[in-house]
Amino acid sequence: MKKIFCLIALLFSINMILFSQTPPPPNGGDYNNGGNTPVGGGAPIGSGLGIMLSLGLGYAWKSQQKNKLQ
């Protein structure tokens, strides 16, 4: 019972720490620039997605080859 209580207390405190941060200012903190740019500057994710997919395919191929040898 004590372990469960400690686990719940830990999860609750981590949750409170994560939600206690203030959101970033709009437009990346640049109040002189008009417009409504997204937070993060609208960074493209296309190349990162390709890299992640290729690494996933390589891992799947490696796992399949390992299973063939066994």
C-alpha atoms as a PDB file:
ATOM      1  CA  MET A   1       0.000   0.000   0.000  1.00  0.00           C
ATOM      2  CA  LYS A   2       2.878   2.347   0.807  1.00  0.00           C
ATOM      3  CA  LYS A   3       4.460   1.730  -2.629  1.00  0.00           C
ATOM      4  CA  ILE A   4       1.211   2.553  -4.397  1.00  0.00           C
ATOM      5  CA  PHE A   5       0.810   5.758  -2.389  1.00  0.00           C
ATOM      6  CA  CYS A   6       4.387   6.819  -3.168  1.00  0.00           C
ATOM      7  CA  LEU A   7       3.891   6.073  -6.864  1.00  0.00           C
ATOM      8  CA  ILE A   8       0.684   8.108  -7.008  1.00  0.00           C
ATOM      9  CA  ALA A   9       2.348  10.992  -5.139  1.00  0.00           C
ATOM     10  CA  LEU A  10       5.299  10.912  -7.542  1.00  0.00           C
ATOM     11  CA  LEU A  11       3.094  10.907 -10.627  1.00  0.00           C
ATOM     12  CA  PHE A  12       0.959  13.726  -9.241  1.00  0.00           C
ATOM     13  CA  SER A  13       4.007  15.883  -8.448  1.00  0.00           C
ATOM     14  CA  ILE A  14       5.514  15.309 -11.896  1.00  0.00           C
ATOM     15  CA  ASN A  15       2.188  16.240 -13.450  1.00  0.00           C
ATOM     16  CA  MET A  16       2.016  19.478 -11.444  1.00  0.00           C
ATOM     17  CA  ILE A  17       5.582  20.419 -12.398  1.00  0.00           C
ATOM     18  CA  LEU A  18       4.924  19.926 -16.100  1.00  0.00           C
ATOM     19  CA  PHE A  19       1.730  21.977 -16.143  1.00  0.00           C
ATOM     20  CA  SER A  20       3.138  24.836 -14.053  1.00  0.00           C
ATOM     21  CA  GLN A  21       5.142  26.303 -16.946  1.00  0.00           C
ATOM     22  CA  THR A  22       3.831  29.385 -18.721  1.00  0.00           C
ATOM     23  CA  PRO A  23       3.166  29.217 -22.468  1.00  0.00           C
ATOM     24  CA  PRO A  24       5.635  30.931 -24.820  1.00  0.00           C
ATOM     25  CA  PRO A  25       4.783  34.427 -26.090  1.00  0.00           C
ATOM     26  CA  PRO A  26       3.084  34.652 -29.484  1.00  0.00           C
ATOM     27  CA  ASN A  27       5.206  35.333 -32.586  1.00  0.00           C
ATOM     28  CA  GLY A  28       8.321  33.961 -30.912  1.00  0.00           C
ATOM     29  CA  GLY A  29       8.575  36.949 -28.564  1.00  0.00           C
ATOM     30  CA  ASP A  30       8.832  39.462 -31.434  1.00  0.00           C
ATOM     31  CA  TYR A  31       6.129  42.016 -30.675  1.00  0.00           C
ATOM     32  CA  ASN A  32       7.204  44.359 -33.487  1.00  0.00           C
ATOM     33  CA  ASN A  33       6.321  41.866 -36.212  1.00  0.00           C
ATOM     34  CA  GLY A  34       2.635  41.677 -37.049  1.00  0.00           C
ATOM     35  CA  GLY A  35       0.858  38.498 -38.017  1.00  0.00           C
ATOM     36  CA  ASN A  36       0.090  35.300 -36.258  1.00  0.00           C
ATOM     37  CA  THR A  37       3.026  32.967 -36.822  1.00  0.00           C
ATOM     38  CA  PRO A  38       2.859  29.552 -35.159  1.00  0.00           C
ATOM     39  CA  VAL A  39       4.927  28.815 -32.076  1.00  0.00           C
ATOM     40  CA  GLY A  40       8.123  27.115 -33.212  1.00  0.00           C
ATOM     41  CA  GLY A  41       8.338  29.158 -36.398  1.00  0.00           C
ATOM     42  CA  GLY A  42       6.566  26.613 -38.594  1.00  0.00           C
ATOM     43  CA  ALA A  43       9.627  24.369 -38.928  1.00  0.00           C
ATOM     44  CA  PRO A  44       9.296  21.798 -41.736  1.00  0.00           C
ATOM     45  CA  ILE A  45       9.084  18.157 -40.657  1.00  0.00           C
ATOM     46  CA  GLY A  46       9.421  16.512 -44.069  1.00  0.00           C
ATOM     47  CA  SER A  47      13.112  15.585 -43.909  1.00  0.00           C
ATOM     48  CA  GLY A  48      12.896  14.457 -40.284  1.00  0.00           C
ATOM     49  CA  LEU A  49       9.961  12.239 -41.142  1.00  0.00           C
ATOM     50  CA  GLY A  50      11.944  10.642 -43.983  1.00  0.00           C
ATOM     51  CA  ILE A  51      14.907   9.994 -41.709  1.00  0.00           C
ATOM     52  CA  MET A  52      12.665   8.445 -39.042  1.00  0.00           C
ATOM     53  CA  LEU A  53      10.969   6.183 -41.602  1.00  0.00           C
ATOM     54  CA  SER A  54      14.280   5.039 -43.085  1.00  0.00           C
ATOM     55  CA  LEU A  55      15.675   4.228 -39.632  1.00  0.00           C
ATOM     56  CA  GLY A  56      12.498   2.307 -38.808  1.00  0.00           C
ATOM     57  CA  LEU A  57      12.731   0.318 -42.033  1.00  0.00           C
ATOM     58  CA  GLY A  58      16.391  -0.457 -41.351  1.00  0.00           C
ATOM     59  CA  TYR A  59      15.562  -1.682 -37.859  1.00  0.00           C
ATOM     60  CA  ALA A  60      12.711  -3.837 -39.174  1.00  0.00           C
ATOM     61  CA  TRP A  61      14.975  -5.337 -41.861  1.00  0.00           C
ATOM     62  CA  LYS A  62      17.683  -6.057 -39.282  1.00  0.00           C
ATOM     63  CA  SER A  63      15.173  -7.725 -36.959  1.00  0.00           C
ATOM     64  CA  GLN A  64      13.792  -9.818 -39.807  1.00  0.00           C
ATOM     65  CA  GLN A  65      17.276 -10.966 -40.829  1.00  0.00           C
ATOM     66  CA  LYS A  66      18.089 -11.849 -37.226  1.00  0.00           C
ATOM     67  CA  ASN A  67      14.906 -13.948 -36.969  1.00  0.00           C
ATOM     68  CA  LYS A  68      15.748 -15.777 -40.211  1.00  0.00           C
ATOM     69  CA  LEU A  69      19.076 -16.912 -38.748  1.00  0.00           C
ATOM     70  CA  GLN A  70      17.483 -18.400 -35.641  1.00  0.00           C
END
